[in-house]
Protein backbone atom coordinates (compact mmCIF):
# COMPACT_ATOMS: atom_id res chain seq x y z
CA MET A 1 14.07 15.85 -2.03
CA PRO A 2 11.62 16.84 -4.86
CA ILE A 3 12.05 18.60 -7.89
CA TYR A 4 10.10 21.62 -8.60
CA GLU A 5 9.95 23.22 -11.76
CA TYR A 6 9.84 27.26 -12.05
CA ARG A 7 9.05 29.80 -14.68
CA CYS A 8 9.41 33.61 -14.59
CA ASP A 9 6.51 35.36 -16.16
CA SER A 10 8.68 38.57 -16.99
CA CYS A 11 11.44 37.01 -18.88
CA GLY A 12 9.90 33.27 -19.50
CA PHE A 13 12.93 32.02 -17.82
CA GLN A 14 12.49 28.19 -16.79
CA LYS A 15 14.35 26.03 -14.55
CA GLU A 16 14.12 22.93 -12.01
CA HIS A 17 15.20 23.39 -8.57
CA LEU A 18 15.90 20.42 -5.99
CA GLN A 19 14.20 21.69 -2.67
CA LYS A 20 13.06 20.33 0.49
CA LEU A 21 9.35 20.51 1.10
CA SER A 22 9.82 22.53 4.22
CA ASP A 23 11.72 25.32 1.84
CA ALA A 24 9.67 28.09 0.98
CA PRO A 25 8.66 28.88 -2.57
CA LEU A 26 11.25 30.81 -4.70
CA THR A 27 10.17 34.40 -6.13
CA THR A 28 13.05 35.78 -7.25
CA CYS A 29 14.32 35.05 -10.97
CA PRO A 30 17.97 33.88 -11.61
CA SER A 31 17.82 35.34 -14.90
CA CYS A 32 16.44 38.63 -14.60
CA GLY A 33 15.82 39.56 -11.10
CA GLN A 34 12.22 40.15 -11.12
CA GLU A 35 9.86 38.81 -8.52
CA SER A 36 7.78 36.95 -10.65
CA TYR A 37 9.23 33.57 -10.28
CA ALA A 38 6.38 31.06 -9.66
CA LYS A 39 6.36 27.28 -8.91
CA LEU A 40 4.86 25.43 -12.02
CA LEU A 41 1.98 22.56 -11.69
CA SER A 42 3.85 19.34 -13.53
CA ALA A 43 2.91 15.39 -13.73
CA ALA A 44 4.80 13.08 -11.60
CA GLY A 45 8.22 11.97 -13.15
CA PHE A 46 6.46 8.00 -12.87
CA GLN A 47 3.51 6.28 -13.18
CA LEU A 48 2.04 3.11 -11.31
CA LYS A 49 0.85 0.70 -13.75
CA GLY A 50 0.40 -3.27 -14.31
CA SER A 51 0.75 -5.87 -11.56
CA GLY A 52 3.65 -4.12 -9.94
CA TRP A 53 4.94 -4.83 -6.60
CA TYR A 54 1.61 -4.16 -4.47
CA ALA A 55 -0.22 -6.66 -6.06
CA THR A 56 2.50 -9.30 -5.77
CA ASP A 57 3.68 -8.79 -2.25
CA PHE A 58 1.35 -6.71 -0.46
CA LYS A 59 -2.25 -7.40 -1.91
CA GLY A 60 -4.30 -9.86 -0.49
CA SER A 61 -4.40 -13.19 -2.31
CA SER A 62 -7.08 -13.53 -5.08
CA GLN A 63 -7.45 -17.48 -5.25
CA PRO A 64 -10.02 -18.90 -3.26
CA LYS A 65 -8.48 -20.72 0.21
CA ALA A 66 -8.69 -24.95 -0.30
CA PRO A 67 -11.56 -26.36 1.96
CA PRO A 68 -10.48 -27.91 5.21
CA PRO A 69 -9.75 -31.99 4.72
CA CYS A 70 -12.34 -33.87 5.83
CA GLN A 71 -12.78 -35.66 9.48
CA THR A 72 -11.63 -38.79 7.81
CA GLY A 73 -8.75 -37.54 5.92
CA GLU A 74 -9.89 -38.54 2.56
CA GLY A 75 -9.40 -35.13 1.02
CA SER A 76 -11.86 -32.03 0.92
CA CYS A 77 -15.71 -31.98 1.80
CA SER A 78 -16.52 -31.25 -1.57
CA SER A 79 -14.86 -34.24 -2.88
CA CYS A 80 -16.37 -36.79 -0.42
CA ALA A 81 -18.85 -39.27 -1.66
CA ALA A 82 -20.91 -39.04 1.33
CA SER A 83 -21.63 -35.06 0.48
């Protein structure tokens, strides 16, 4: 469940509330009782930085694949003397 931050425009009371996504926004200030309690816009509590799990586990390999071995079995086509 996400944590939402609220602030009252009347008295300035500010608090975080754990709510379901489907819950209606709170409007009544628990401190002063006024109907001026509003949800604040705040930054997420985490940031995705660095190589992370996506780059190491799910992202396609950035290394080129080795060429297939020659028909003669003597290595890759780029290393054959015939090419």
